[in-house]
Amino acid sequence: MNSQKMRKLLEERLTGADWSFLFDREKDTLRVEHQETKKGVTISLPGLIAKWEEKKEAALDEMVYYIKEALRVMNDEQQVTGKEKRIYPVIRSTSFPDKSNEDVPLIYDEHTAETRIYYALDLGNTYRLLDEKLIRKEDLDLSAVREMAKFNLRSLPISHKKDTVAGNDFYFVNQNDGYDASRILNEAFLQDFASSVSGTMAVAVPHQDVLILADIQNETGYDILAQMTMSFFASGRVPITALSFLYENGELEPIFILGKNRSKGRD
């Protein structure tokens, strides 16, 4: 499978609607947008191909569904007032756009050197990122929106699966609700987990649909975590960062793992 073939498959699946397709050969992306409003989504083809290699047609079905839902939401008028309990924070990379496709600044806060916190209105099968236009239109209190988002996040259930490799324990949070990576913002959860580890605590958010927590017991554990995070990062629908973080004294600090060596970054 290559980008040209994947592009063709997507266009065939989406033919018949009022959408146009823009292929960026340099960035290896396909943009699907409404012909009149020009609102749309941009798909990273290498990321989709990686998922296709693993899940075949199921990966393509998932992406087509995501595109259709996202375009439907973008072209409908949305209102936040009265839906405050459906606002959640979402983690994105620092390279993620800071403006909407209409060039309206998105609402976000800095998080680490690798990540930012955006805010989204949950719409069931997808969500809309909040922007300054929507905030002004409804005269919303931005600080109240942030607090509500954090409160709503803490109300989400958290369960995880455990895997032990070479004496190191790895835990995977994967609720499939779109906010798995966001749970890295649940400070009470991180502190509770930190109190249970016997080694060094590390966390990773390779893409939006997983949060990895690790109890590192030896140097091999760092290498395993790095390989694991890179694999998830390459296959995620919305990649965030291939770097992992140490969690110490309530702070997240990026770690760079090269072979058997590791070094700390700075937020």
Protein backbone atom coordinates (compact mmCIF):
# COMPACT_ATOMS: atom_id res chain seq x y z
CA MET A 1 0.00 0.00 0.00
CA ASN A 2 1.30 3.48 -0.89
CA SER A 3 -0.09 7.00 -0.63
CA GLN A 4 -1.44 7.09 -4.17
CA LYS A 5 -3.39 3.86 -3.69
CA MET A 6 -4.72 4.96 -0.30
CA ARG A 7 -5.73 8.33 -1.74
CA LYS A 8 -7.65 6.55 -4.50
CA LEU A 9 -9.42 4.25 -2.03
CA LEU A 10 -10.54 7.21 0.10
CA GLU A 11 -11.78 9.20 -2.88
CA GLU A 12 -13.73 6.19 -4.17
CA ARG A 13 -15.37 5.73 -0.77
CA LEU A 14 -16.33 9.41 -0.56
CA THR A 15 -17.47 9.94 -4.15
CA GLY A 16 -20.95 11.35 -4.69
CA ALA A 17 -21.01 13.98 -1.95
CA ASP A 18 -20.41 17.72 -2.33
CA TRP A 19 -16.76 17.34 -1.40
CA SER A 20 -13.52 18.11 -3.18
CA PHE A 21 -10.12 16.46 -2.67
CA LEU A 22 -6.77 18.22 -2.41
CA PHE A 23 -3.65 16.06 -2.37
CA ASP A 24 -0.44 17.58 -0.98
CA ARG A 25 2.40 15.48 -2.34
CA GLU A 26 5.05 17.21 -0.23
CA LYS A 27 3.23 16.72 3.08
CA ASP A 28 1.70 13.40 1.99
CA THR A 29 -1.78 14.45 3.08
CA LEU A 30 -5.25 14.40 1.57
CA ARG A 31 -7.66 17.21 2.38
CA VAL A 32 -11.38 16.58 2.05
CA GLU A 33 -13.53 19.70 2.11
CA HIS A 34 -17.04 20.89 1.30
CA GLN A 35 -17.08 22.50 -2.12
CA GLU A 36 -19.06 25.56 -1.01
CA THR A 37 -18.01 26.25 2.58
CA LYS A 38 -14.41 25.04 2.09
CA LYS A 39 -14.56 23.52 5.58
CA GLY A 40 -12.89 20.16 5.79
CA VAL A 41 -10.36 17.77 7.32
CA THR A 42 -6.80 16.88 6.40
CA ILE A 43 -5.73 13.23 6.56
CA SER A 44 -2.14 12.07 7.08
CA LEU A 45 -1.82 9.24 4.56
CA PRO A 46 1.25 7.54 6.13
CA GLY A 47 -0.61 7.28 9.45
CA LEU A 48 -3.66 5.76 7.78
CA ILE A 49 -1.51 3.33 5.80
CA ALA A 50 0.13 2.14 9.03
CA LYS A 51 -3.31 1.42 10.51
CA TRP A 52 -4.42 -0.25 7.26
CA GLU A 53 -1.43 -2.61 7.40
CA GLU A 54 -2.65 -3.72 10.82
CA LYS A 55 -6.46 -3.64 10.49
CA LYS A 56 -7.03 -3.63 6.69
CA GLU A 57 -10.55 -2.61 5.65
CA ALA A 58 -11.58 -1.88 9.24
CA ALA A 59 -9.05 0.98 9.34
CA LEU A 60 -10.44 2.43 6.12
CA ASP A 61 -14.03 2.09 7.34
CA GLU A 62 -13.11 3.91 10.54
CA MET A 63 -11.43 6.77 8.68
CA VAL A 64 -14.31 7.21 6.21
CA TYR A 65 -16.74 7.35 9.12
CA TYR A 66 -14.56 9.89 10.92
CA ILE A 67 -14.34 12.10 7.81
CA LYS A 68 -18.10 12.04 7.21
CA GLU A 69 -18.90 12.85 10.84
CA ALA A 70 -16.31 15.62 11.02
CA LEU A 71 -17.58 17.27 7.83
CA ARG A 72 -21.18 17.00 9.00
CA VAL A 73 -20.34 18.71 12.28
CA MET A 74 -18.24 21.43 10.65
CA ASN A 75 -21.07 22.43 8.37
CA ASP A 76 -23.69 22.57 11.15
CA GLU A 77 -24.08 25.50 13.52
CA GLN A 78 -22.97 24.56 17.03
CA GLN A 79 -23.87 26.11 20.38
CA VAL A 80 -22.00 25.69 23.67
CA THR A 81 -24.49 27.34 26.04
CA GLY A 82 -26.53 24.63 27.74
CA LYS A 83 -23.99 21.97 26.77
CA GLU A 84 -21.25 22.85 29.26
CA LYS A 85 -21.21 19.30 30.66
CA ARG A 86 -20.04 18.13 27.24
CA ILE A 87 -16.89 20.25 27.14
CA TYR A 88 -13.59 18.37 27.54
CA PRO A 89 -9.89 19.19 27.21
CA VAL A 90 -8.02 17.41 24.41
CA ILE A 91 -4.27 16.95 24.13
CA ARG A 92 -2.55 17.82 20.86
CA SER A 93 1.03 18.28 19.71
CA THR A 94 2.60 21.74 19.66
CA SER A 95 2.67 21.47 15.86
CA PHE A 96 -1.12 21.17 15.76
CA PRO A 97 -2.75 24.20 14.06
CA ASP A 98 -3.59 27.09 16.37
CA LYS A 99 -6.29 28.35 14.01
CA SER A 100 -9.37 26.80 12.46
CA ASN A 101 -9.73 26.27 8.73
CA GLU A 102 -11.54 29.63 8.70
CA ASP A 103 -8.42 31.24 10.19
CA VAL A 104 -10.12 31.76 13.57
CA PRO A 105 -7.76 31.31 16.58
CA LEU A 106 -8.49 28.10 18.53
CA ILE A 107 -8.68 28.14 22.32
CA TYR A 108 -5.68 26.39 23.82
CA ASP A 109 -3.24 26.43 26.75
CA GLU A 110 0.40 25.42 26.88
CA HIS A 111 1.05 22.10 28.58
CA THR A 112 4.58 20.75 28.02
CA ALA A 113 7.30 21.42 25.44
CA GLU A 114 5.63 18.72 23.33
CA THR A 115 1.91 19.19 24.00
CA ARG A 116 -0.92 21.70 24.20
CA ILE A 117 -4.39 21.60 25.71
CA TYR A 118 -7.28 22.44 23.39
CA TYR A 119 -10.95 22.45 24.36
CA ALA A 120 -13.74 20.58 22.60
CA LEU A 121 -17.51 20.35 22.59
CA ASP A 122 -18.45 16.67 22.51
CA LEU A 123 -21.04 15.92 19.83
CA GLY A 124 -21.45 12.20 20.35
CA ASN A 125 -19.54 10.60 17.48
CA THR A 126 -17.10 13.48 17.13
CA TYR A 127 -16.35 16.87 18.67
CA ARG A 128 -15.69 20.47 17.71
CA LEU A 129 -12.68 22.39 18.96
CA LEU A 130 -13.64 25.68 20.59
CA ASP A 131 -12.43 28.85 18.91
CA GLU A 132 -12.48 32.55 19.73
CA LYS A 133 -15.40 33.22 17.39
CA LEU A 134 -17.65 30.76 19.22
CA ILE A 135 -16.53 32.07 22.62
CA ARG A 136 -17.29 35.68 21.63
CA LYS A 137 -20.58 34.80 19.94
CA GLU A 138 -21.97 33.27 23.13
CA ASP A 139 -20.11 35.62 25.48
CA LEU A 140 -18.63 32.70 27.40
CA ASP A 141 -16.37 33.04 30.43
CA LEU A 142 -13.18 31.33 29.24
CA SER A 143 -11.91 30.57 32.75
CA ALA A 144 -15.25 28.92 33.55
CA VAL A 145 -15.01 26.87 30.33
CA ARG A 146 -11.55 25.63 31.37
CA GLU A 147 -12.72 24.67 34.86
CA MET A 148 -15.80 22.90 33.51
CA ALA A 149 -13.65 20.95 31.04
CA LYS A 150 -11.34 19.78 33.83
CA PHE A 151 -14.29 18.83 36.01
CA ASN A 152 -15.90 16.86 33.18
CA LEU A 153 -12.62 15.07 32.51
CA ARG A 154 -12.36 13.93 36.12
CA SER A 155 -15.82 12.37 35.81
CA LEU A 156 -14.74 10.06 32.99
CA PRO A 157 -14.08 6.43 33.95
CA ILE A 158 -10.48 5.18 33.90
CA SER A 159 -9.54 1.54 33.48
CA HIS A 160 -6.34 0.06 32.12
CA LYS A 161 -4.73 -3.12 30.89
CA LYS A 162 -1.36 -4.23 32.21
CA ASP A 163 1.56 -5.80 30.39
CA THR A 164 4.88 -6.77 32.00
CA VAL A 165 8.00 -6.88 29.82
CA ALA A 166 11.55 -7.55 31.07
CA GLY A 167 10.50 -6.77 34.63
CA ASN A 168 8.82 -3.46 33.74
CA ASP A 169 5.07 -2.85 34.07
CA PHE A 170 3.14 -0.98 31.37
CA TYR A 171 -0.47 0.14 31.71
CA PHE A 172 -2.69 1.16 28.79
CA VAL A 173 -5.72 3.43 29.19
CA ASN A 174 -7.94 2.90 26.14
CA GLN A 175 -11.61 3.72 26.79
CA ASN A 176 -12.19 4.56 23.11
CA ASP A 177 -14.11 7.73 23.95
CA GLY A 178 -11.74 10.19 22.27
CA TYR A 179 -10.26 11.42 25.56
CA ASP A 180 -7.75 8.72 26.51
CA ALA A 181 -4.72 10.97 26.07
CA SER A 182 -6.61 13.77 27.87
CA ARG A 183 -6.55 11.71 31.04
CA ILE A 184 -2.92 12.78 31.46
CA LEU A 185 -4.53 16.00 32.76
CA ASN A 186 -6.27 14.17 35.60
CA GLU A 187 -3.81 15.10 38.31
CA ALA A 188 -5.51 13.03 41.02
CA PHE A 189 -5.24 9.93 38.82
CA LEU A 190 -1.53 10.52 38.11
CA GLN A 191 -0.76 11.10 41.78
CA ASP A 192 -2.64 7.97 42.78
CA PHE A 193 -0.75 5.94 40.20
CA ALA A 194 2.58 7.47 41.30
CA SER A 195 1.94 6.31 44.85
CA SER A 196 1.70 2.70 43.63
CA VAL A 197 4.85 2.45 41.51
CA SER A 198 7.99 0.90 42.96
CA GLY A 199 10.36 2.15 40.24
CA THR A 200 10.35 5.28 38.10
CA MET A 201 7.04 6.52 36.73
CA ALA A 202 6.82 7.47 33.06
CA VAL A 203 3.84 8.35 30.88
CA ALA A 204 3.24 8.74 27.15
CA VAL A 205 0.51 10.10 24.90
CA PRO A 206 1.52 8.90 21.40
CA HIS A 207 -1.95 9.56 19.99
CA GLN A 208 -5.34 10.76 21.22
CA ASP A 209 -6.76 7.29 21.83
CA VAL A 210 -4.26 5.93 24.33
CA LEU A 211 -2.46 6.90 27.54
CA ILE A 212 0.51 4.75 28.52
CA LEU A 213 1.76 4.66 32.10
CA ALA A 214 4.93 2.79 33.04
CA ASP A 215 6.61 1.55 36.19
CA ILE A 216 10.23 1.44 34.98
CA GLN A 217 12.48 -0.93 36.90
CA ASN A 218 15.59 -1.05 34.72
CA GLU A 219 17.31 0.57 31.73
CA THR A 220 15.67 -1.88 29.33
CA GLY A 221 12.32 -0.47 30.38
CA TYR A 222 13.15 2.91 28.85
CA ASP A 223 14.02 1.31 25.52
CA ILE A 224 10.81 -0.73 25.53
CA LEU A 225 8.75 2.36 26.33
CA ALA A 226 10.41 4.31 23.51
CA GLN A 227 9.75 1.57 20.95
CA MET A 228 6.18 1.15 22.17
CA THR A 229 5.45 4.87 22.03
CA MET A 230 6.88 5.22 18.53
CA SER A 231 4.77 2.31 17.31
CA PHE A 232 1.58 3.84 18.72
CA PHE A 233 2.55 7.27 17.39
CA ALA A 234 2.97 5.93 13.85
CA SER A 235 -0.39 4.15 13.83
CA GLY A 236 -2.59 6.72 15.58
CA ARG A 237 -5.38 8.59 13.79
CA VAL A 238 -4.42 11.78 15.63
CA PRO A 239 -0.70 11.50 16.55
CA ILE A 240 0.53 13.62 19.45
CA THR A 241 4.15 12.90 20.40
CA ALA A 242 6.61 10.01 20.15
CA LEU A 243 8.42 11.24 23.26
CA SER A 244 7.69 9.92 26.74
CA PHE A 245 7.63 11.88 30.00
CA LEU A 246 8.96 11.31 33.47
CA TYR A 247 6.42 12.14 36.18
CA GLU A 248 8.16 13.54 39.24
CA ASN A 249 6.73 15.72 42.00
CA GLY A 250 3.63 16.48 39.97
CA GLU A 251 5.64 17.60 36.92
CA LEU A 252 5.94 16.10 33.43
CA GLU A 253 9.40 16.20 31.90
CA PRO A 254 10.15 14.90 28.38
CA ILE A 255 12.79 12.19 28.16
CA PHE A 256 14.89 11.44 25.10
CA ILE A 257 15.83 7.78 24.80
CA LEU A 258 18.68 6.82 22.48
CA GLY A 259 19.60 3.14 22.66
CA LYS A 260 20.73 2.50 26.22
CA ASN A 261 21.11 6.17 27.05
CA ARG A 262 18.46 8.58 28.20
CA SER A 263 18.37 12.27 28.96
CA LYS A 264 15.81 14.68 30.31
CA GLY A 265 14.29 17.52 28.32
CA ARG A 266 12.88 20.73 29.68
CA ASP A 267 9.33 22.04 29.56
